[in-house]
Amino acid sequence: MNSNGKRLFVARHGETVFNAAGRLQGTSLHTPLTVAGFRQALAMGEGLAHYLGGWSAPLDLTASDTGRALQTLALIAEAIGCDWQEAISDARLNEIDVGGWGGVYYRDLMADGPVIHAEHRLFMRLPEDAESYTAIAVRLRGWIAEQGFARDMLIVSHGMTSRVLRGLLCGLPDLDGFGAPIAPGLPQGSMVAIRDGVEEVIVLGGGEGEKG
């Protein structure tokens, strides 16, 4: 996808209390960061500051409207000298809606079989009231279509949603069986830079896999 030559810095939020407990978050708005999550966010901020290397042009700041994403954004913004008050939140950047599984422990769901695909690290089953990857792509396409990308942008999202967003921004084909373009998974606390469809990992986190 053409981003007008602008760099789009896509980050996953840091670890939360739900992540640490092994619970599905989905669209839960208030699941605060753990100490490890704060460290991951600070590491992304420091990594981005190093990557920018004294570059001082302003960044547009945006995140999902969840507390965990906005907390992460605040810490990154401080590290790069940007004003968090100028950030825009958008529910379309929120995590996959897992429906009735919200707040449920993974270990309880595992009693009925695997939940996450071993190779792709994506949900291989979800309840009937959950959101599909195709639906995530639809809302993200709507968000992308409204962006002018007049400036570089920092985007803080979630495990599953950020993978679909990266897939769309990089022009990937739909992943077989999932109905959406989905980029490879990255650990929590990771950040990439995407410019005109080309992705570069600039901070590789050490957190958990696909747990929103």
C-alpha atoms as a PDB file:
ATOM      1  CA  MET A   1       0.000   0.000   0.000  1.00  0.00           C
ATOM      2  CA  ASN A   2       1.213   3.492  -0.828  1.00  0.00           C
ATOM      3  CA  SER A   3       1.725   5.542   2.339  1.00  0.00           C
ATOM      4  CA  ASN A   4       2.885   8.647   0.461  1.00  0.00           C
ATOM      5  CA  GLY A   5       6.436   7.884   1.514  1.00  0.00           C
ATOM      6  CA  LYS A   6       5.487   8.276   5.178  1.00  0.00           C
ATOM      7  CA  ARG A   7       6.586   5.871   7.872  1.00  0.00           C
ATOM      8  CA  LEU A   8       3.854   4.081   9.780  1.00  0.00           C
ATOM      9  CA  PHE A   9       5.129   2.772  13.111  1.00  0.00           C
ATOM     10  CA  VAL A  10       2.817  -0.069  14.166  1.00  0.00           C
ATOM     11  CA  ALA A  11       3.191  -1.270  17.760  1.00  0.00           C
ATOM     12  CA  ARG A  12       1.559  -3.889  19.981  1.00  0.00           C
ATOM     13  CA  HIS A  13       0.628  -2.758  23.445  1.00  0.00           C
ATOM     14  CA  GLY A  14       2.590  -4.054  26.428  1.00  0.00           C
ATOM     15  CA  GLU A  15       1.622  -7.005  28.614  1.00  0.00           C
ATOM     16  CA  THR A  16      -1.544  -6.590  30.691  1.00  0.00           C
ATOM     17  CA  VAL A  17      -2.956  -8.231  33.796  1.00  0.00           C
ATOM     18  CA  PHE A  18      -5.139 -10.397  31.532  1.00  0.00           C
ATOM     19  CA  ASN A  19      -2.135 -11.448  29.432  1.00  0.00           C
ATOM     20  CA  ALA A  20      -0.230 -12.418  32.569  1.00  0.00           C
ATOM     21  CA  ALA A  21      -3.186 -14.443  33.847  1.00  0.00           C
ATOM     22  CA  GLY A  22      -3.815 -16.182  30.510  1.00  0.00           C
ATOM     23  CA  ARG A  23      -7.260 -14.657  29.950  1.00  0.00           C
ATOM     24  CA  LEU A  24      -8.787 -13.549  26.644  1.00  0.00           C
ATOM     25  CA  GLN A  25      -9.191  -9.772  26.466  1.00  0.00           C
ATOM     26  CA  GLY A  26     -10.950  -9.107  23.212  1.00  0.00           C
ATOM     27  CA  THR A  27     -12.711  -5.751  23.409  1.00  0.00           C
ATOM     28  CA  SER A  28     -12.242  -5.328  27.196  1.00  0.00           C
ATOM     29  CA  LEU A  29     -11.488  -1.633  27.652  1.00  0.00           C
ATOM     30  CA  HIS A  30      -9.769  -1.620  31.031  1.00  0.00           C
ATOM     31  CA  THR A  31      -7.057  -4.227  31.497  1.00  0.00           C
ATOM     32  CA  PRO A  32      -4.042  -2.243  32.761  1.00  0.00           C
ATOM     33  CA  LEU A  33      -0.420  -2.915  31.944  1.00  0.00           C
ATOM     34  CA  THR A  34       1.734  -5.008  34.257  1.00  0.00           C
ATOM     35  CA  VAL A  35       5.230  -3.961  35.327  1.00  0.00           C
ATOM     36  CA  ALA A  36       6.513  -6.075  32.424  1.00  0.00           C
ATOM     37  CA  GLY A  37       4.086  -4.266  30.118  1.00  0.00           C
ATOM     38  CA  PHE A  38       5.424  -0.886  31.205  1.00  0.00           C
ATOM     39  CA  ARG A  39       8.957  -2.083  30.520  1.00  0.00           C
ATOM     40  CA  GLN A  40       7.945  -3.276  27.056  1.00  0.00           C
ATOM     41  CA  ALA A  41       6.332   0.066  26.263  1.00  0.00           C
ATOM     42  CA  LEU A  42       9.385   1.957  27.517  1.00  0.00           C
ATOM     43  CA  ALA A  43      11.636  -0.282  25.413  1.00  0.00           C
ATOM     44  CA  MET A  44       9.559   0.486  22.315  1.00  0.00           C
ATOM     45  CA  GLY A  45       9.796   4.201  23.074  1.00  0.00           C
ATOM     46  CA  GLU A  46      13.545   4.023  23.526  1.00  0.00           C
ATOM     47  CA  GLY A  47      13.892   1.914  20.380  1.00  0.00           C
ATOM     48  CA  LEU A  48      11.825   4.340  18.333  1.00  0.00           C
ATOM     49  CA  ALA A  49      13.767   7.317  19.690  1.00  0.00           C
ATOM     50  CA  HIS A  50      17.006   5.603  18.688  1.00  0.00           C
ATOM     51  CA  TYR A  51      15.593   4.727  15.265  1.00  0.00           C
ATOM     52  CA  LEU A  52      14.531   8.311  14.647  1.00  0.00           C
ATOM     53  CA  GLY A  53      18.026   9.431  15.606  1.00  0.00           C
ATOM     54  CA  GLY A  54      17.363  13.060  16.383  1.00  0.00           C
ATOM     55  CA  TRP A  55      14.782  13.466  13.613  1.00  0.00           C
ATOM     56  CA  SER A  56      12.389  16.088  14.902  1.00  0.00           C
ATOM     57  CA  ALA A  57       9.456  16.281  12.450  1.00  0.00           C
ATOM     58  CA  PRO A  58       6.116  15.606  14.218  1.00  0.00           C
ATOM     59  CA  LEU A  59       4.344  12.271  14.315  1.00  0.00           C
ATOM     60  CA  ASP A  60       0.621  11.726  14.201  1.00  0.00           C
ATOM     61  CA  LEU A  61      -0.361   9.590  17.206  1.00  0.00           C
ATOM     62  CA  THR A  62      -3.223   7.103  17.154  1.00  0.00           C
ATOM     63  CA  ALA A  63      -4.312   4.029  19.082  1.00  0.00           C
ATOM     64  CA  SER A  64      -7.283   1.838  19.778  1.00  0.00           C
ATOM     65  CA  ASP A  65      -9.568   3.221  22.467  1.00  0.00           C
ATOM     66  CA  THR A  66      -8.542   0.615  25.056  1.00  0.00           C
ATOM     67  CA  GLY A  67      -6.672   1.592  28.186  1.00  0.00           C
ATOM     68  CA  ARG A  68      -3.812  -0.802  27.465  1.00  0.00           C
ATOM     69  CA  ALA A  69      -3.165   0.725  24.039  1.00  0.00           C
ATOM     70  CA  LEU A  70      -3.425   4.296  25.325  1.00  0.00           C
ATOM     71  CA  GLN A  71      -1.105   3.544  28.259  1.00  0.00           C
ATOM     72  CA  THR A  72       1.445   2.094  25.852  1.00  0.00           C
ATOM     73  CA  LEU A  73       1.092   5.080  23.547  1.00  0.00           C
ATOM     74  CA  ALA A  74       1.653   7.497  26.443  1.00  0.00           C
ATOM     75  CA  LEU A  75       4.962   5.875  27.373  1.00  0.00           C
ATOM     76  CA  ILE A  76       6.211   5.735  23.785  1.00  0.00           C
ATOM     77  CA  ALA A  77       5.152   9.337  23.169  1.00  0.00           C
ATOM     78  CA  GLU A  78       7.078  10.529  26.210  1.00  0.00           C
ATOM     79  CA  ALA A  79      10.230   8.785  25.013  1.00  0.00           C
ATOM     80  CA  ILE A  80      10.097  10.487  21.612  1.00  0.00           C
ATOM     81  CA  GLY A  81       9.035  13.893  22.912  1.00  0.00           C
ATOM     82  CA  CYS A  82       5.503  13.899  21.492  1.00  0.00           C
ATOM     83  CA  ASP A  83       2.381  15.222  23.219  1.00  0.00           C
ATOM     84  CA  TRP A  84       0.074  12.365  24.212  1.00  0.00           C
ATOM     85  CA  GLN A  85      -2.788  14.867  24.459  1.00  0.00           C
ATOM     86  CA  GLU A  86      -2.744  15.153  20.671  1.00  0.00           C
ATOM     87  CA  ALA A  87      -3.369  11.430  20.198  1.00  0.00           C
ATOM     88  CA  ILE A  88      -6.508  10.203  18.446  1.00  0.00           C
ATOM     89  CA  SER A  89      -8.184   6.996  19.598  1.00  0.00           C
ATOM     90  CA  ASP A  90     -10.263   4.873  17.251  1.00  0.00           C
ATOM     91  CA  ALA A  91     -12.259   1.744  18.124  1.00  0.00           C
ATOM     92  CA  ARG A  92     -11.535   0.319  14.671  1.00  0.00           C
ATOM     93  CA  LEU A  93      -7.991  -0.367  15.880  1.00  0.00           C
ATOM     94  CA  ASN A  94      -9.346  -2.444  18.768  1.00  0.00           C
ATOM     95  CA  GLU A  95      -8.623  -6.133  19.257  1.00  0.00           C
ATOM     96  CA  ILE A  96     -10.646  -8.969  17.767  1.00  0.00           C
ATOM     97  CA  ASP A  97     -14.005  -9.292  19.507  1.00  0.00           C
ATOM     98  CA  VAL A  98     -14.024 -12.787  21.030  1.00  0.00           C
ATOM     99  CA  GLY A  99     -17.683 -12.517  22.001  1.00  0.00           C
ATOM    100  CA  GLY A 100     -18.698 -14.646  24.962  1.00  0.00           C
ATOM    101  CA  TRP A 101     -15.115 -15.739  25.492  1.00  0.00           C
ATOM    102  CA  GLY A 102     -14.085 -12.321  26.758  1.00  0.00           C
ATOM    103  CA  GLY A 103     -12.377 -12.727  30.134  1.00  0.00           C
ATOM    104  CA  VAL A 104     -12.303 -16.532  29.910  1.00  0.00           C
ATOM    105  CA  TYR A 105      -9.081 -18.354  30.780  1.00  0.00           C
ATOM    106  CA  TYR A 106      -7.313 -20.065  27.888  1.00  0.00           C
ATOM    107  CA  ARG A 107      -6.770 -23.125  30.094  1.00  0.00           C
ATOM    108  CA  ASP A 108     -10.519 -23.599  30.486  1.00  0.00           C
ATOM    109  CA  LEU A 109     -11.108 -23.395  26.744  1.00  0.00           C
ATOM    110  CA  MET A 110      -8.314 -25.877  26.085  1.00  0.00           C
ATOM    111  CA  ALA A 111     -10.418 -28.574  27.736  1.00  0.00           C
ATOM    112  CA  ASP A 112     -12.427 -28.690  24.484  1.00  0.00           C
ATOM    113  CA  GLY A 113      -9.373 -28.695  22.221  1.00  0.00           C
ATOM    114  CA  PRO A 114      -6.788 -26.253  20.842  1.00  0.00           C
ATOM    115  CA  VAL A 115      -7.771 -22.607  20.561  1.00  0.00           C
ATOM    116  CA  ILE A 116      -4.760 -21.167  18.717  1.00  0.00           C
ATOM    117  CA  HIS A 117      -3.474 -22.568  15.397  1.00  0.00           C
ATOM    118  CA  ALA A 118      -0.019 -24.011  16.108  1.00  0.00           C
ATOM    119  CA  GLU A 119       1.604 -22.696  12.911  1.00  0.00           C
ATOM    120  CA  HIS A 120      -0.145 -19.397  12.261  1.00  0.00           C
ATOM    121  CA  ARG A 121      -0.797 -18.431  15.916  1.00  0.00           C
ATOM    122  CA  LEU A 122      -4.345 -17.365  15.051  1.00  0.00           C
ATOM    123  CA  PHE A 123      -7.676 -18.416  16.534  1.00  0.00           C
ATOM    124  CA  MET A 124      -8.688 -21.708  14.978  1.00  0.00           C
ATOM    125  CA  ARG A 125     -12.068 -21.641  16.725  1.00  0.00           C
ATOM    126  CA  LEU A 126     -14.199 -18.936  18.324  1.00  0.00           C
ATOM    127  CA  PRO A 127     -17.775 -18.698  19.639  1.00  0.00           C
ATOM    128  CA  GLU A 128     -20.584 -17.827  17.248  1.00  0.00           C
ATOM    129  CA  ASP A 129     -20.834 -14.248  18.526  1.00  0.00           C
ATOM    130  CA  ALA A 130     -17.136 -13.538  17.917  1.00  0.00           C
ATOM    131  CA  GLU A 131     -15.647 -11.410  15.157  1.00  0.00           C
ATOM    132  CA  SER A 132     -13.985 -12.976  12.121  1.00  0.00           C
ATOM    133  CA  TYR A 133     -10.639 -11.978  10.642  1.00  0.00           C
ATOM    134  CA  THR A 134     -12.548 -10.912   7.528  1.00  0.00           C
ATOM    135  CA  ALA A 135     -14.573  -8.468   9.645  1.00  0.00           C
ATOM    136  CA  ILE A 136     -11.384  -7.078  11.208  1.00  0.00           C
ATOM    137  CA  ALA A 137     -10.022  -6.427   7.706  1.00  0.00           C
ATOM    138  CA  VAL A 138     -13.234  -4.615   6.731  1.00  0.00           C
ATOM    139  CA  ARG A 139     -13.065  -2.180   9.652  1.00  0.00           C
ATOM    140  CA  LEU A 140      -9.342  -1.611   9.161  1.00  0.00           C
ATOM    141  CA  ARG A 141      -9.798  -0.932   5.449  1.00  0.00           C
ATOM    142  CA  GLY A 142     -12.323   1.725   6.429  1.00  0.00           C
ATOM    143  CA  TRP A 143      -9.825   3.266   8.845  1.00  0.00           C
ATOM    144  CA  ILE A 144      -7.010   3.215   6.260  1.00  0.00           C
ATOM    145  CA  ALA A 145      -9.227   4.825   3.628  1.00  0.00           C
ATOM    146  CA  GLU A 146      -9.733   7.854   5.900  1.00  0.00           C
ATOM    147  CA  GLN A 147      -6.036   8.433   6.556  1.00  0.00           C
ATOM    148  CA  GLY A 148      -4.268  10.958   4.393  1.00  0.00           C
ATOM    149  CA  PHE A 149      -0.833   9.909   5.681  1.00  0.00           C
ATOM    150  CA  ALA A 150       0.386  13.485   5.468  1.00  0.00           C
ATOM    151  CA  ARG A 151       2.887  12.812   8.249  1.00  0.00           C
ATOM    152  CA  ASP A 152       4.640   9.822   9.773  1.00  0.00           C
ATOM    153  CA  MET A 153       2.337   8.044  12.207  1.00  0.00           C
ATOM    154  CA  LEU A 154       2.612   5.989  15.386  1.00  0.00           C
ATOM    155  CA  ILE A 155      -0.175   3.397  15.646  1.00  0.00           C
ATOM    156  CA  VAL A 156      -0.669   1.330  18.815  1.00  0.00           C
ATOM    157  CA  SER A 157      -2.953  -1.670  18.427  1.00  0.00           C
ATOM    158  CA  HIS A 158      -3.246  -5.306  19.507  1.00  0.00           C
ATOM    159  CA  GLY A 159      -1.899  -8.762  18.741  1.00  0.00           C
ATOM    160  CA  MET A 160      -4.450 -10.007  16.230  1.00  0.00           C
ATOM    161  CA  THR A 161      -5.590  -6.653  14.876  1.00  0.00           C
ATOM    162  CA  SER A 162      -2.072  -5.348  14.289  1.00  0.00           C
ATOM    163  CA  ARG A 163      -1.290  -8.442  12.223  1.00  0.00           C
ATOM    164  CA  VAL A 164      -4.259  -7.770   9.936  1.00  0.00           C
ATOM    165  CA  LEU A 165      -3.342  -4.075   9.758  1.00  0.00           C
ATOM    166  CA  ARG A 166       0.246  -4.921   8.815  1.00  0.00           C
ATOM    167  CA  GLY A 167      -1.024  -7.385   6.227  1.00  0.00           C
ATOM    168  CA  LEU A 168      -3.198  -4.706   4.630  1.00  0.00           C
ATOM    169  CA  LEU A 169      -0.473  -2.045   4.720  1.00  0.00           C
ATOM    170  CA  CYS A 170       2.020  -4.458   3.162  1.00  0.00           C
ATOM    171  CA  GLY A 171      -0.410  -5.626   0.473  1.00  0.00           C
ATOM    172  CA  LEU A 172      -0.294  -9.283   1.515  1.00  0.00           C
ATOM    173  CA  PRO A 173      -2.749 -11.811   0.031  1.00  0.00           C
ATOM    174  CA  ASP A 174      -5.459 -13.353   2.196  1.00  0.00           C
ATOM    175  CA  LEU A 175      -4.074 -16.104   4.402  1.00  0.00           C
ATOM    176  CA  ASP A 176      -5.650 -19.386   3.358  1.00  0.00           C
ATOM    177  CA  GLY A 177      -8.483 -20.346   5.671  1.00  0.00           C
ATOM    178  CA  PHE A 178      -8.660 -17.026   7.522  1.00  0.00           C
ATOM    179  CA  GLY A 179     -10.203 -14.661   4.957  1.00  0.00           C
ATOM    180  CA  ALA A 180      -7.864 -11.728   5.497  1.00  0.00           C
ATOM    181  CA  PRO A 181      -4.281 -10.624   4.789  1.00  0.00           C
ATOM    182  CA  ILE A 182      -2.400 -11.414   7.991  1.00  0.00           C
ATOM    183  CA  ALA A 183       1.269 -10.631   8.664  1.00  0.00           C
ATOM    184  CA  PRO A 184       3.480 -12.959  10.721  1.00  0.00           C
ATOM    185  CA  GLY A 185       3.064 -12.697  14.469  1.00  0.00           C
ATOM    186  CA  LEU A 186       5.452 -10.727  16.666  1.00  0.00           C
ATOM    187  CA  PRO A 187       5.835 -10.841  20.471  1.00  0.00           C
ATOM    188  CA  GLN A 188       4.281  -8.242  22.729  1.00  0.00           C
ATOM    189  CA  GLY A 189       6.375  -5.112  22.912  1.00  0.00           C
ATOM    190  CA  SER A 190       7.266  -5.251  19.205  1.00  0.00           C
ATOM    191  CA  MET A 191       7.160  -2.381  16.723  1.00  0.00           C
ATOM    192  CA  VAL A 192       7.567  -2.246  12.951  1.00  0.00           C
ATOM    193  CA  ALA A 193       8.006   0.576  10.477  1.00  0.00           C
ATOM    194  CA  ILE A 194       6.047   0.316   7.211  1.00  0.00           C
ATOM    195  CA  ARG A 195       6.703   2.658   4.314  1.00  0.00           C
ATOM    196  CA  ASP A 196       4.916   2.190   0.992  1.00  0.00           C
ATOM    197  CA  GLY A 197       4.223  -1.467   1.697  1.00  0.00           C
ATOM    198  CA  VAL A 198       7.699  -2.423   2.934  1.00  0.00           C
ATOM    199  CA  GLU A 199       7.994  -3.517   6.556  1.00  0.00           C
ATOM    200  CA  GLU A 200      11.008  -3.306   8.854  1.00  0.00           C
ATOM    201  CA  VAL A 201      11.085  -4.586  12.438  1.00  0.00           C
ATOM    202  CA  ILE A 202      12.602  -1.865  14.615  1.00  0.00           C
ATOM    203  CA  VAL A 203      11.862  -3.258  18.095  1.00  0.00           C
ATOM    204  CA  LEU A 204      11.454  -6.989  18.724  1.00  0.00           C
ATOM    205  CA  GLY A 205       9.752  -7.526  22.063  1.00  0.00           C
ATOM    206  CA  GLY A 206      10.182 -10.429  24.410  1.00  0.00           C
ATOM    207  CA  GLY A 207       6.565 -10.836  25.499  1.00  0.00           C
ATOM    208  CA  GLU A 208       3.933 -13.484  24.880  1.00  0.00           C
ATOM    209  CA  GLY A 209       2.489 -14.442  21.515  1.00  0.00           C
ATOM    210  CA  GLU A 210      -1.027 -13.757  20.268  1.00  0.00           C
ATOM    211  CA  LYS A 211      -2.895 -12.751  23.417  1.00  0.00           C
ATOM    212  CA  GLY A 212      -4.344  -9.366  22.443  1.00  0.00           C
END
